[in-house]
Amino acid sequence: MEVRLDADRIRRKGFSEVIFCEGKSEKQLLNIAEEIKAQKLDTAFSRMDEDQFGAVASVIDGFRYDPLSRVGHTDFGTIKKNSALMAVVSAGSTDVPVAEEAAQIIEFFGSRAERFYDVGVAGIHRLFDVLPEIRKADVVIVAAGMDGALPSVVSGLVSSLVIGLPTSVGYGIAEKGNTALRSMLCSCSPGLVVVNIDNGVGAALSALAASKIKHSDPG
C-alpha cells in the first residue's frame, strides 16, 4: 500500500491531515481522494498543481482550489467555525503566495484570517497604517523573504504571538530564504517564533493551536 490516510489525526491533534501533493503521483492522489470521499473527511491539500486538482476533483464533488496558494480542500461541512482571528501579513507582494497558503489553511479549519499584504520595512509607514487592525488578532503570521526583517518589527509592536514565515523570495546572498530564516531565528524581539522556509501550512497550524490555548476554558 503506497498511501495510508491518517484519519485519526483530527481526534489526536484537533486538525485533519493536510495532504502534501508535491511529488505524489496521480494514482496516489486518486487513492487518497477515494478514501476521503468514502469517509466524508474534510481535508486540505497543499502544493497542489492544476493537473492534481483536476484528478482529485474528478473523484470528490465540490472540491475547491485556490491557484495562488495552491491549496485545495473538500467541503463536506464537518468543520465548525470558531471565534479565533489571525492576522496574515506579508512584507512584499512576492511573498503573498506563501502567506496565502497560511491564510487558506486557517480559513479551512474554521478561523478568520485578515490579510495585510505588501507592508514591508522598505516603506514602514504602510505597516503603521494597518497596525491597529493587526493588533486585534489572536496570533500574527508574518511572511517575508530577502532580509526577513518584518517579523521582528511586528513582534516588537504587538502583544500577540508572532509566527515568522520566511519565504524563498530573493536572490544572491538571500540564499532562497536562508537569510530570512536566520534573521528571524536570531531576532531579539520577544514573542517571535519561526517555521521553516515557505511553510505556510506549518505557520497556519501553529497559529491555530496557539489560538486554541488562548480561547480554551480555564475551568
N, C-alpha and C. Protein backbone atom coordinates (compact mmCIF):
# COMPACT_ATOMS: atom_id res chain seq x y z
N MET A 1 0.85 -1.19 0.00
CA MET A 1 0.00 0.00 0.00
C MET A 1 0.89 1.25 0.00
N GLU A 2 0.69 2.13 -0.99
CA GLU A 2 1.54 3.31 -1.13
C GLU A 2 1.11 4.46 -0.23
N VAL A 3 -0.17 4.53 0.09
CA VAL A 3 -0.68 5.64 0.91
C VAL A 3 -1.53 5.10 2.05
N ARG A 4 -1.41 5.73 3.20
CA ARG A 4 -2.24 5.40 4.36
C ARG A 4 -2.75 6.71 4.94
N LEU A 5 -3.99 7.01 4.73
CA LEU A 5 -4.58 8.25 5.21
C LEU A 5 -4.67 8.23 6.74
N ASP A 6 -4.22 9.30 7.37
CA ASP A 6 -4.25 9.40 8.83
C ASP A 6 -5.60 9.97 9.26
N ALA A 7 -6.63 9.15 9.20
CA ALA A 7 -7.98 9.61 9.51
C ALA A 7 -8.17 9.92 10.99
N ASP A 8 -7.29 9.41 11.84
CA ASP A 8 -7.42 9.62 13.28
C ASP A 8 -6.74 10.91 13.76
N ARG A 9 -6.08 11.62 12.86
CA ARG A 9 -5.32 12.80 13.29
C ARG A 9 -6.23 13.87 13.87
N ILE A 10 -7.43 13.99 13.36
CA ILE A 10 -8.33 15.03 13.86
C ILE A 10 -8.68 14.79 15.33
N ARG A 11 -8.74 13.52 15.74
CA ARG A 11 -9.01 13.21 17.15
C ARG A 11 -7.78 13.51 18.01
N ARG A 12 -6.59 13.15 17.50
CA ARG A 12 -5.37 13.33 18.28
C ARG A 12 -4.93 14.79 18.37
N LYS A 13 -5.05 15.50 17.24
CA LYS A 13 -4.48 16.84 17.14
C LYS A 13 -5.51 17.96 17.08
N GLY A 14 -6.75 17.60 16.72
CA GLY A 14 -7.76 18.62 16.53
C GLY A 14 -7.84 19.13 15.11
N PHE A 15 -6.97 18.63 14.22
CA PHE A 15 -6.96 19.02 12.81
C PHE A 15 -6.80 17.77 11.97
N SER A 16 -7.51 17.72 10.85
CA SER A 16 -7.32 16.60 9.93
C SER A 16 -5.99 16.74 9.20
N GLU A 17 -5.54 15.66 8.61
CA GLU A 17 -4.28 15.66 7.86
C GLU A 17 -4.36 16.62 6.68
N VAL A 18 -3.28 17.37 6.44
CA VAL A 18 -3.15 18.19 5.24
C VAL A 18 -2.28 17.40 4.26
N ILE A 19 -2.83 17.09 3.10
CA ILE A 19 -2.14 16.25 2.13
C ILE A 19 -1.13 17.08 1.34
N PHE A 20 0.13 16.72 1.44
CA PHE A 20 1.20 17.39 0.70
C PHE A 20 1.28 16.75 -0.69
N CYS A 21 0.94 17.52 -1.72
CA CYS A 21 0.78 16.96 -3.07
C CYS A 21 2.08 16.87 -3.86
N GLU A 22 3.02 17.73 -3.55
CA GLU A 22 4.26 17.79 -4.34
C GLU A 22 4.96 16.43 -4.33
N GLY A 23 5.22 15.89 -5.51
CA GLY A 23 5.90 14.61 -5.63
C GLY A 23 4.99 13.40 -5.62
N LYS A 24 3.71 13.60 -5.34
CA LYS A 24 2.79 12.47 -5.34
C LYS A 24 2.31 12.19 -6.77
N SER A 25 2.14 10.91 -7.09
CA SER A 25 1.64 10.53 -8.41
C SER A 25 0.13 10.72 -8.47
N GLU A 26 -0.40 10.74 -9.69
CA GLU A 26 -1.85 10.84 -9.86
C GLU A 26 -2.55 9.65 -9.21
N LYS A 27 -1.96 8.47 -9.35
CA LYS A 27 -2.55 7.27 -8.75
C LYS A 27 -2.64 7.41 -7.24
N GLN A 28 -1.58 7.90 -6.62
CA GLN A 28 -1.59 8.07 -5.17
C GLN A 28 -2.67 9.06 -4.73
N LEU A 29 -2.77 10.18 -5.45
CA LEU A 29 -3.77 11.18 -5.10
C LEU A 29 -5.19 10.67 -5.32
N LEU A 30 -5.39 9.88 -6.37
CA LEU A 30 -6.71 9.31 -6.61
C LEU A 30 -7.09 8.33 -5.50
N ASN A 31 -6.13 7.54 -5.04
CA ASN A 31 -6.40 6.63 -3.93
C ASN A 31 -6.76 7.39 -2.66
N ILE A 32 -6.03 8.47 -2.40
CA ILE A 32 -6.32 9.31 -1.24
C ILE A 32 -7.71 9.92 -1.36
N ALA A 33 -8.03 10.43 -2.56
CA ALA A 33 -9.33 11.05 -2.78
C ALA A 33 -10.47 10.07 -2.58
N GLU A 34 -10.30 8.85 -3.04
CA GLU A 34 -11.35 7.83 -2.87
C GLU A 34 -11.59 7.55 -1.39
N GLU A 35 -10.51 7.46 -0.63
CA GLU A 35 -10.65 7.18 0.81
C GLU A 35 -11.30 8.35 1.54
N ILE A 36 -10.91 9.56 1.18
CA ILE A 36 -11.52 10.75 1.78
C ILE A 36 -13.00 10.82 1.47
N LYS A 37 -13.35 10.54 0.23
CA LYS A 37 -14.75 10.55 -0.19
C LYS A 37 -15.56 9.51 0.58
N ALA A 38 -15.01 8.32 0.73
CA ALA A 38 -15.72 7.25 1.42
C ALA A 38 -15.99 7.61 2.88
N GLN A 39 -15.03 8.30 3.50
CA GLN A 39 -15.18 8.65 4.92
C GLN A 39 -15.80 10.03 5.13
N LYS A 40 -16.02 10.78 4.02
CA LYS A 40 -16.51 12.16 4.11
C LYS A 40 -15.67 12.96 5.12
N LEU A 41 -14.38 12.87 4.95
CA LEU A 41 -13.44 13.51 5.85
C LEU A 41 -12.96 14.83 5.24
N ASP A 42 -13.34 15.95 5.84
CA ASP A 42 -12.89 17.24 5.30
C ASP A 42 -11.37 17.34 5.41
N THR A 43 -10.75 17.59 4.26
CA THR A 43 -9.29 17.51 4.14
C THR A 43 -8.78 18.62 3.24
N ALA A 44 -7.64 19.20 3.62
CA ALA A 44 -6.97 20.19 2.77
C ALA A 44 -5.77 19.55 2.07
N PHE A 45 -5.44 20.10 0.91
CA PHE A 45 -4.31 19.63 0.10
C PHE A 45 -3.39 20.83 -0.14
N SER A 46 -2.09 20.66 0.07
CA SER A 46 -1.14 21.75 -0.16
C SER A 46 -0.20 21.43 -1.32
N ARG A 47 0.41 22.49 -1.87
CA ARG A 47 1.35 22.37 -3.01
C ARG A 47 0.72 21.58 -4.16
N MET A 48 -0.52 21.90 -4.46
CA MET A 48 -1.29 21.18 -5.47
C MET A 48 -1.25 21.94 -6.79
N ASP A 49 -0.89 21.26 -7.88
CA ASP A 49 -0.91 21.93 -9.17
C ASP A 49 -2.25 21.71 -9.86
N GLU A 50 -2.42 22.34 -11.02
CA GLU A 50 -3.71 22.30 -11.72
C GLU A 50 -4.10 20.88 -12.13
N ASP A 51 -3.13 20.10 -12.60
CA ASP A 51 -3.42 18.72 -13.01
C ASP A 51 -3.84 17.88 -11.81
N GLN A 52 -3.18 18.06 -10.68
CA GLN A 52 -3.55 17.31 -9.48
C GLN A 52 -4.94 17.72 -9.00
N PHE A 53 -5.24 19.00 -9.10
CA PHE A 53 -6.58 19.46 -8.76
C PHE A 53 -7.63 18.77 -9.62
N GLY A 54 -7.38 18.70 -10.93
CA GLY A 54 -8.32 18.05 -11.82
C GLY A 54 -8.54 16.60 -11.48
N ALA A 55 -7.47 15.91 -11.10
CA ALA A 55 -7.59 14.49 -10.75
C ALA A 55 -8.44 14.30 -9.51
N VAL A 56 -8.16 15.07 -8.46
CA VAL A 56 -8.91 14.92 -7.21
C VAL A 56 -10.35 15.37 -7.39
N ALA A 57 -10.56 16.45 -8.15
CA ALA A 57 -11.92 16.95 -8.38
C ALA A 57 -12.76 15.97 -9.18
N SER A 58 -12.12 15.10 -9.94
CA SER A 58 -12.87 14.09 -10.70
C SER A 58 -13.47 13.02 -9.77
N VAL A 59 -12.95 12.94 -8.55
CA VAL A 59 -13.43 11.96 -7.58
C VAL A 59 -14.35 12.60 -6.54
N ILE A 60 -13.99 13.80 -6.08
CA ILE A 60 -14.71 14.45 -4.99
C ILE A 60 -15.51 15.63 -5.53
N ASP A 61 -16.83 15.52 -5.49
CA ASP A 61 -17.70 16.60 -5.95
C ASP A 61 -17.53 17.83 -5.05
N GLY A 62 -17.53 19.01 -5.68
CA GLY A 62 -17.44 20.25 -4.92
C GLY A 62 -16.06 20.56 -4.37
N PHE A 63 -15.05 19.86 -4.86
CA PHE A 63 -13.68 20.11 -4.39
C PHE A 63 -13.25 21.51 -4.84
N ARG A 64 -12.64 22.25 -3.94
CA ARG A 64 -12.28 23.64 -4.20
C ARG A 64 -10.77 23.81 -4.30
N TYR A 65 -10.36 24.82 -5.08
CA TYR A 65 -8.93 25.01 -5.32
C TYR A 65 -8.61 26.49 -5.49
N ASP A 66 -7.54 26.94 -4.83
CA ASP A 66 -7.05 28.30 -4.98
C ASP A 66 -5.69 28.26 -5.68
N PRO A 67 -5.60 28.71 -6.93
CA PRO A 67 -4.34 28.56 -7.68
C PRO A 67 -3.19 29.41 -7.14
N LEU A 68 -3.49 30.53 -6.48
CA LEU A 68 -2.42 31.38 -5.96
C LEU A 68 -1.64 30.67 -4.85
N SER A 69 -2.35 30.12 -3.90
CA SER A 69 -1.71 29.43 -2.77
C SER A 69 -1.44 27.96 -3.06
N ARG A 70 -2.07 27.43 -4.12
CA ARG A 70 -2.01 26.01 -4.47
C ARG A 70 -2.60 25.13 -3.37
N VAL A 71 -3.61 25.65 -2.70
CA VAL A 71 -4.32 24.90 -1.67
C VAL A 71 -5.67 24.46 -2.22
N GLY A 72 -5.97 23.18 -2.05
CA GLY A 72 -7.28 22.64 -2.38
C GLY A 72 -7.92 22.07 -1.14
N HIS A 73 -9.25 21.93 -1.16
CA HIS A 73 -9.89 21.33 0.02
C HIS A 73 -11.28 20.81 -0.32
N THR A 74 -11.70 19.84 0.47
CA THR A 74 -13.05 19.31 0.37
C THR A 74 -14.01 20.25 1.09
N ASP A 75 -15.30 20.00 0.92
CA ASP A 75 -16.31 20.84 1.59
C ASP A 75 -17.51 19.97 1.96
N PHE A 76 -17.26 19.04 2.90
CA PHE A 76 -18.34 18.17 3.37
C PHE A 76 -19.14 18.82 4.50
N GLY A 77 -18.69 19.96 4.98
CA GLY A 77 -19.43 20.68 6.01
C GLY A 77 -19.23 20.18 7.42
N THR A 78 -18.13 19.48 7.68
CA THR A 78 -17.91 18.91 9.01
C THR A 78 -17.09 19.82 9.93
N ILE A 79 -16.48 20.87 9.38
CA ILE A 79 -15.63 21.74 10.20
C ILE A 79 -16.44 22.93 10.70
N LYS A 80 -16.43 23.13 12.01
CA LYS A 80 -17.20 24.19 12.63
C LYS A 80 -16.40 25.49 12.66
N LYS A 81 -17.11 26.60 12.48
CA LYS A 81 -16.48 27.91 12.61
C LYS A 81 -16.14 28.18 14.08
N ASN A 82 -15.11 28.97 14.30
CA ASN A 82 -14.75 29.36 15.66
C ASN A 82 -14.45 30.85 15.70
N SER A 83 -14.18 31.38 16.87
CA SER A 83 -14.05 32.82 17.04
C SER A 83 -12.62 33.33 16.90
N ALA A 84 -11.66 32.45 16.64
CA ALA A 84 -10.26 32.87 16.56
C ALA A 84 -10.02 33.77 15.35
N LEU A 85 -9.18 34.78 15.55
CA LEU A 85 -8.83 35.72 14.48
C LEU A 85 -7.32 35.76 14.32
N MET A 86 -6.87 35.50 13.11
CA MET A 86 -5.43 35.55 12.79
C MET A 86 -5.17 36.70 11.80
N ALA A 87 -4.07 37.38 11.99
CA ALA A 87 -3.60 38.34 11.00
C ALA A 87 -2.50 37.67 10.19
N VAL A 88 -2.63 37.74 8.87
CA VAL A 88 -1.61 37.19 7.98
C VAL A 88 -1.00 38.37 7.22
N VAL A 89 0.27 38.60 7.46
CA VAL A 89 0.97 39.79 6.96
C VAL A 89 2.06 39.35 5.99
N SER A 90 2.24 40.10 4.91
CA SER A 90 3.38 39.83 4.03
C SER A 90 4.22 41.09 3.88
N ALA A 91 5.53 40.89 3.77
CA ALA A 91 6.44 42.02 3.56
C ALA A 91 6.26 42.58 2.16
N GLY A 92 6.32 41.71 1.15
CA GLY A 92 6.19 42.15 -0.23
C GLY A 92 5.08 41.40 -0.95
N SER A 93 4.74 41.87 -2.13
CA SER A 93 3.70 41.18 -2.91
C SER A 93 4.19 39.82 -3.41
N THR A 94 5.51 39.64 -3.55
CA THR A 94 6.03 38.34 -3.98
C THR A 94 5.97 37.31 -2.86
N ASP A 95 5.76 37.74 -1.63
CA ASP A 95 5.59 36.81 -0.52
C ASP A 95 4.15 36.33 -0.38
N VAL A 96 3.25 36.91 -1.15
CA VAL A 96 1.82 36.63 -0.98
C VAL A 96 1.45 35.16 -1.18
N PRO A 97 1.97 34.44 -2.20
CA PRO A 97 1.57 33.04 -2.34
C PRO A 97 1.81 32.20 -1.09
N VAL A 98 2.93 32.43 -0.42
CA VAL A 98 3.23 31.68 0.81
C VAL A 98 2.31 32.14 1.94
N ALA A 99 2.12 33.45 2.06
CA ALA A 99 1.21 33.98 3.07
C ALA A 99 -0.21 33.48 2.83
N GLU A 100 -0.59 33.41 1.57
CA GLU A 100 -1.95 32.97 1.24
C GLU A 100 -2.14 31.49 1.54
N GLU A 101 -1.09 30.69 1.42
CA GLU A 101 -1.19 29.29 1.84
C GLU A 101 -1.59 29.22 3.31
N ALA A 102 -0.95 30.04 4.13
CA ALA A 102 -1.30 30.07 5.55
C ALA A 102 -2.74 30.53 5.75
N ALA A 103 -3.14 31.59 5.06
CA ALA A 103 -4.49 32.13 5.22
C ALA A 103 -5.56 31.13 4.80
N GLN A 104 -5.31 30.43 3.69
CA GLN A 104 -6.29 29.45 3.21
C GLN A 104 -6.46 28.30 4.21
N ILE A 105 -5.36 27.84 4.80
CA ILE A 105 -5.44 26.75 5.77
C ILE A 105 -6.16 27.21 7.03
N ILE A 106 -5.88 28.41 7.48
CA ILE A 106 -6.58 28.97 8.65
C ILE A 106 -8.08 28.99 8.41
N GLU A 107 -8.49 29.48 7.26
CA GLU A 107 -9.92 29.58 6.96
C GLU A 107 -10.55 28.21 6.77
N PHE A 108 -9.81 27.28 6.19
CA PHE A 108 -10.34 25.93 6.03
C PHE A 108 -10.70 25.32 7.38
N PHE A 109 -9.86 25.57 8.38
CA PHE A 109 -10.10 24.99 9.69
C PHE A 109 -11.01 25.85 10.58
N GLY A 110 -11.72 26.80 9.98
CA GLY A 110 -12.82 27.47 10.67
C GLY A 110 -12.52 28.77 11.36
N SER A 111 -11.28 29.26 11.28
CA SER A 111 -10.93 30.54 11.89
C SER A 111 -10.93 31.64 10.83
N ARG A 112 -10.87 32.88 11.29
CA ARG A 112 -10.81 34.02 10.38
C ARG A 112 -9.36 34.41 10.12
N ALA A 113 -9.08 34.78 8.89
CA ALA A 113 -7.76 35.26 8.51
C ALA A 113 -7.91 36.64 7.87
N GLU A 114 -7.39 37.66 8.55
CA GLU A 114 -7.37 39.00 7.98
C GLU A 114 -6.02 39.22 7.32
N ARG A 115 -6.04 39.66 6.07
CA ARG A 115 -4.82 39.78 5.28
C ARG A 115 -4.32 41.22 5.23
N PHE A 116 -3.01 41.37 5.42
CA PHE A 116 -2.34 42.67 5.35
C PHE A 116 -1.06 42.47 4.54
N TYR A 117 -1.17 42.70 3.22
CA TYR A 117 -0.08 42.35 2.32
C TYR A 117 0.69 43.57 1.84
N ASP A 118 1.97 43.35 1.53
CA ASP A 118 2.86 44.37 0.97
C ASP A 118 3.06 45.55 1.93
N VAL A 119 3.46 45.23 3.16
CA VAL A 119 3.68 46.28 4.17
C VAL A 119 5.10 46.18 4.74
N GLY A 120 6.07 45.88 3.89
CA GLY A 120 7.43 45.62 4.33
C GLY A 120 8.19 46.83 4.82
N VAL A 121 9.41 46.58 5.33
CA VAL A 121 10.18 47.63 6.00
C VAL A 121 10.70 48.70 5.06
N ALA A 122 10.72 48.45 3.76
CA ALA A 122 11.18 49.48 2.82
C ALA A 122 10.23 50.67 2.79
N GLY A 123 8.99 50.45 3.20
CA GLY A 123 8.00 51.53 3.34
C GLY A 123 7.24 51.31 4.62
N ILE A 124 7.90 51.52 5.75
CA ILE A 124 7.37 51.11 7.05
C ILE A 124 6.07 51.82 7.40
N HIS A 125 5.80 52.98 6.77
CA HIS A 125 4.54 53.68 7.02
C HIS A 125 3.34 52.82 6.64
N ARG A 126 3.52 51.91 5.69
CA ARG A 126 2.42 51.04 5.27
C ARG A 126 2.01 50.11 6.41
N LEU A 127 2.99 49.65 7.18
CA LEU A 127 2.68 48.82 8.34
C LEU A 127 1.92 49.62 9.39
N PHE A 128 2.36 50.84 9.66
CA PHE A 128 1.71 51.65 10.69
C PHE A 128 0.26 51.96 10.32
N ASP A 129 -0.02 52.04 9.02
CA ASP A 129 -1.40 52.30 8.58
C ASP A 129 -2.36 51.20 9.01
N VAL A 130 -1.87 49.96 9.07
CA VAL A 130 -2.75 48.82 9.37
C VAL A 130 -2.47 48.22 10.75
N LEU A 131 -1.53 48.77 11.49
CA LEU A 131 -1.15 48.20 12.78
C LEU A 131 -2.31 48.09 13.77
N PRO A 132 -3.21 49.07 13.86
CA PRO A 132 -4.33 48.92 14.79
C PRO A 132 -5.18 47.67 14.51
N GLU A 133 -5.35 47.32 13.25
CA GLU A 133 -6.11 46.12 12.90
C GLU A 133 -5.32 44.86 13.20
N ILE A 134 -4.03 44.87 12.92
CA ILE A 134 -3.18 43.71 13.22
C ILE A 134 -3.20 43.39 14.71
N ARG A 135 -3.22 44.43 15.53
CA ARG A 135 -3.19 44.24 16.99
C ARG A 135 -4.43 43.55 17.53
N LYS A 136 -5.49 43.47 16.76
CA LYS A 136 -6.72 42.81 17.20
C LYS A 136 -6.63 41.29 17.10
N ALA A 137 -5.63 40.79 16.40
CA ALA A 137 -5.54 39.35 16.11
C ALA A 137 -5.05 38.57 17.33
N ASP A 138 -5.51 37.32 17.42
CA ASP A 138 -5.03 36.41 18.46
C ASP A 138 -3.59 35.98 18.20
N VAL A 139 -3.28 35.73 16.94
CA VAL A 139 -1.94 35.34 16.51
C VAL A 139 -1.65 36.05 15.20
N VAL A 140 -0.40 36.45 15.00
CA VAL A 140 0.01 37.14 13.78
C VAL A 140 1.05 36.30 13.05
N ILE A 141 0.80 36.03 11.77
CA ILE A 141 1.78 35.36 10.91
C ILE A 141 2.39 36.42 9.99
N VAL A 142 3.71 36.47 9.93
CA VAL A 142 4.38 37.46 9.08
C VAL A 142 5.31 36.75 8.11
N ALA A 143 4.98 36.84 6.82
CA ALA A 143 5.78 36.21 5.76
C ALA A 143 6.73 37.23 5.16
N ALA A 144 8.00 36.85 5.06
CA ALA A 144 9.00 37.76 4.50
C ALA A 144 10.16 36.98 3.93
N GLY A 145 10.64 37.44 2.76
CA GLY A 145 11.86 36.90 2.18
C GLY A 145 12.96 37.93 2.30
N MET A 146 13.89 37.93 1.34
CA MET A 146 15.00 38.90 1.33
C MET A 146 15.68 38.97 2.70
N ASP A 147 15.63 40.13 3.38
CA ASP A 147 16.30 40.29 4.67
C ASP A 147 15.51 39.71 5.83
N GLY A 148 14.23 39.42 5.62
CA GLY A 148 13.41 38.80 6.66
C GLY A 148 13.22 39.67 7.89
N ALA A 149 13.22 40.99 7.73
CA ALA A 149 13.21 41.89 8.88
C ALA A 149 11.82 42.13 9.47
N LEU A 150 10.78 42.02 8.66
CA LEU A 150 9.45 42.45 9.11
C LEU A 150 8.93 41.71 10.34
N PRO A 151 9.09 40.40 10.47
CA PRO A 151 8.56 39.73 11.66
C PRO A 151 9.10 40.30 12.97
N SER A 152 10.38 40.64 13.01
CA SER A 152 10.96 41.23 14.22
C SER A 152 10.33 42.58 14.52
N VAL A 153 10.10 43.37 13.50
CA VAL A 153 9.47 44.68 13.68
C VAL A 153 8.06 44.51 14.24
N VAL A 154 7.28 43.64 13.61
CA VAL A 154 5.90 43.43 14.06
C VAL A 154 5.87 42.89 15.48
N SER A 155 6.76 41.96 15.79
CA SER A 155 6.79 41.36 17.12
C SER A 155 7.06 42.40 18.21
N GLY A 156 7.80 43.43 17.88
CA GLY A 156 8.08 44.49 18.83
C GLY A 156 6.94 45.47 19.01
N LEU A 157 5.89 45.33 18.20
CA LEU A 157 4.79 46.30 18.21
C LEU A 157 3.45 45.73 18.63
N VAL A 158 3.36 44.41 18.79
CA VAL A 158 2.08 43.78 19.15
C VAL A 158 2.27 42.89 20.38
N SER A 159 1.18 42.63 21.09
CA SER A 159 1.25 41.77 22.28
C SER A 159 0.99 40.31 21.96
N SER A 160 0.47 40.03 20.78
CA SER A 160 0.15 38.65 20.39
C SER A 160 1.40 37.88 20.00
N LEU A 161 1.28 36.56 20.01
CA LEU A 161 2.33 35.70 19.45
C LEU A 161 2.51 36.02 17.97
N VAL A 162 3.75 36.15 17.53
CA VAL A 162 4.05 36.37 16.12
C VAL A 162 4.80 35.15 15.59
N ILE A 163 4.33 34.63 14.47
CA ILE A 163 4.98 33.50 13.81
C ILE A 163 5.68 34.00 12.56
N GLY A 164 6.99 33.92 12.55
CA GLY A 164 7.76 34.32 11.38
C GLY A 164 7.72 33.23 10.33
N LEU A 165 7.39 33.63 9.11
CA LEU A 165 7.28 32.70 7.99
C LEU A 165 8.27 33.12 6.90
N PRO A 166 9.50 32.62 6.93
CA PRO A 166 10.47 33.00 5.90
C PRO A 166 10.07 32.44 4.54
N THR A 167 10.25 33.24 3.51
CA THR A 167 9.95 32.77 2.16
C THR A 167 11.23 32.70 1.34
N SER A 168 11.17 31.95 0.27
CA SER A 168 12.35 31.76 -0.60
C SER A 168 12.52 32.90 -1.60
N VAL A 169 11.77 33.99 -1.41
CA VAL A 169 11.89 35.15 -2.28
C VAL A 169 13.24 35.84 -2.04
N GLY A 170 13.95 36.14 -3.13
CA GLY A 170 15.23 36.82 -3.01
C GLY A 170 16.26 36.21 -3.94
N TYR A 171 17.43 36.80 -3.98
CA TYR A 171 18.49 36.34 -4.87
C TYR A 171 19.83 36.60 -4.20
N GLY A 172 20.89 36.03 -4.77
CA GLY A 172 22.22 36.26 -4.24
C GLY A 172 22.34 35.79 -2.80
N ILE A 173 22.76 36.68 -1.93
CA ILE A 173 23.00 36.33 -0.53
C ILE A 173 21.73 35.99 0.23
N ALA A 174 20.57 36.29 -0.35
CA ALA A 174 19.30 35.89 0.27
C ALA A 174 19.18 34.37 0.37
N GLU A 175 19.90 33.65 -0.50
CA GLU A 175 20.05 32.20 -0.41
C GLU A 175 18.73 31.45 -0.30
N LYS A 176 17.77 31.82 -1.16
CA LYS A 176 16.50 31.10 -1.25
C LYS A 176 15.78 30.99 0.10
N GLY A 177 15.85 32.05 0.87
CA GLY A 177 15.13 32.09 2.13
C GLY A 177 15.97 31.82 3.36
N ASN A 178 17.18 31.34 3.18
CA ASN A 178 18.02 31.02 4.34
C ASN A 178 18.41 32.27 5.13
N THR A 179 18.65 33.37 4.44
CA THR A 179 18.98 34.60 5.15
C THR A 179 17.79 35.09 5.96
N ALA A 180 16.60 35.04 5.38
CA ALA A 180 15.39 35.44 6.11
C ALA A 180 15.17 34.54 7.33
N LEU A 181 15.38 33.24 7.15
CA LEU A 181 15.22 32.30 8.26
C LEU A 181 16.19 32.62 9.39
N ARG A 182 17.46 32.83 9.06
CA ARG A 182 18.46 33.12 10.09
C ARG A 182 18.16 34.45 10.79
N SER A 183 17.72 35.42 10.00
CA SER A 183 17.38 36.72 10.58
C SER A 183 16.28 36.59 11.62
N MET A 184 15.26 35.81 11.29
CA MET A 184 14.15 35.63 12.23
C MET A 184 14.58 34.83 13.45
N LEU A 185 15.41 33.81 13.24
CA LEU A 185 15.85 32.96 14.35
C LEU A 185 16.71 33.72 15.36
N CYS A 186 17.48 34.70 14.88
CA CYS A 186 18.36 35.43 15.79
C CYS A 186 17.75 36.76 16.22
N SER A 187 16.45 36.92 16.03
CA SER A 187 15.77 38.15 16.43
C SER A 187 15.85 38.36 17.94
N CYS A 188 15.99 39.61 18.36
CA CYS A 188 15.95 39.93 19.79
C CYS A 188 14.57 40.41 20.22
N SER A 189 13.60 40.35 19.31
CA SER A 189 12.24 40.79 19.62
C SER A 189 11.48 39.66 20.31
N PRO A 190 10.99 39.85 21.53
CA PRO A 190 10.33 38.76 22.27
C PRO A 190 8.99 38.39 21.66
N GLY A 191 8.63 37.12 21.79
CA GLY A 191 7.33 36.66 21.31
C GLY A 191 7.31 36.27 19.85
N LEU A 192 8.49 36.08 19.25
CA LEU A 192 8.58 35.67 17.85
C LEU A 192 9.07 34.23 17.76
N VAL A 193 8.28 33.38 17.12
CA VAL A 193 8.71 32.02 16.81
C VAL A 193 8.75 31.88 15.30
N VAL A 194 9.43 30.85 14.81
CA VAL A 194 9.71 30.77 13.38
C VAL A 194 9.45 29.36 12.86
N VAL A 195 8.90 29.27 11.65
CA VAL A 195 8.72 27.98 10.97
C VAL A 195 9.70 27.90 9.80
N ASN A 196 9.66 26.79 9.11
CA ASN A 196 10.60 26.55 8.01
C ASN A 196 10.28 27.45 6.80
N ILE A 197 11.21 27.53 5.90
CA ILE A 197 11.08 28.35 4.70
C ILE A 197 9.88 27.89 3.86
N ASP A 198 9.02 28.84 3.50
CA ASP A 198 7.84 28.60 2.66
C ASP A 198 6.80 27.68 3.32
N ASN A 199 6.88 27.49 4.63
CA ASN A 199 5.98 26.56 5.32
C ASN A 199 4.72 27.26 5.80
N GLY A 200 3.89 27.67 4.86
CA GLY A 200 2.63 28.32 5.21
C GLY A 200 1.70 27.42 5.99
N VAL A 201 1.69 26.14 5.65
CA VAL A 201 0.84 25.19 6.37
C VAL A 201 1.28 25.09 7.83
N GLY A 202 2.57 24.95 8.06
CA GLY A 202 3.07 24.86 9.42
C GLY A 202 2.78 26.11 10.23
N ALA A 203 2.91 27.27 9.61
CA ALA A 203 2.59 28.53 10.30
C ALA A 203 1.12 28.58 10.67
N ALA A 204 0.25 28.17 9.74
CA ALA A 204 -1.19 28.19 10.00
C ALA A 204 -1.57 27.25 11.13
N LEU A 205 -1.07 26.01 11.09
CA LEU A 205 -1.43 25.04 12.12
C LEU A 205 -0.88 25.44 13.48
N SER A 206 0.29 26.05 13.51
CA SER A 206 0.84 26.55 14.77
C SER A 206 -0.03 27.68 15.32
N ALA A 207 -0.46 28.57 14.44
CA ALA A 207 -1.34 29.67 14.87
C ALA A 207 -2.66 29.14 15.40
N LEU A 208 -3.22 28.15 14.73
CA LEU A 208 -4.49 27.57 15.17
C LEU A 208 -4.34 26.89 16.53
N ALA A 209 -3.24 26.18 16.73
CA ALA A 209 -3.01 25.53 18.02
C ALA A 209 -2.85 26.56 19.13
N ALA A 210 -2.12 27.64 18.85
CA ALA A 210 -1.93 28.69 19.86
C ALA A 210 -3.24 29.38 20.18
N SER A 211 -4.08 29.59 19.18
CA SER A 211 -5.36 30.26 19.42
C SER A 211 -6.29 29.38 20.24
N LYS A 212 -6.18 28.06 20.09
CA LYS A 212 -7.00 27.16 20.90
C LYS A 212 -6.66 27.30 22.37
N ILE A 213 -5.38 27.43 22.67
CA ILE A 213 -4.96 27.63 24.06
C ILE A 213 -5.52 28.95 24.59
N LYS A 214 -5.44 29.99 23.76
CA LYS A 214 -5.91 31.31 24.18
C LYS A 214 -7.41 31.32 24.43
N HIS A 215 -8.16 30.55 23.64
CA HIS A 215 -9.61 30.56 23.76
C HIS A 215 -10.14 29.41 24.61
N SER A 216 -9.27 28.61 25.19
CA SER A 216 -9.73 27.48 25.99
C SER A 216 -10.34 27.96 27.30
N ASP A 217 -11.28 27.18 27.81
CA ASP A 217 -11.96 27.50 29.06
C ASP A 217 -11.07 27.09 30.23
N PRO A 218 -10.61 28.04 31.07
CA PRO A 218 -9.73 27.69 32.17
C PRO A 218 -10.39 26.80 33.21
N GLY A 219 -11.73 26.77 33.19
CA GLY A 219 -12.44 25.92 34.15
C GLY A 219 -12.53 24.50 33.67
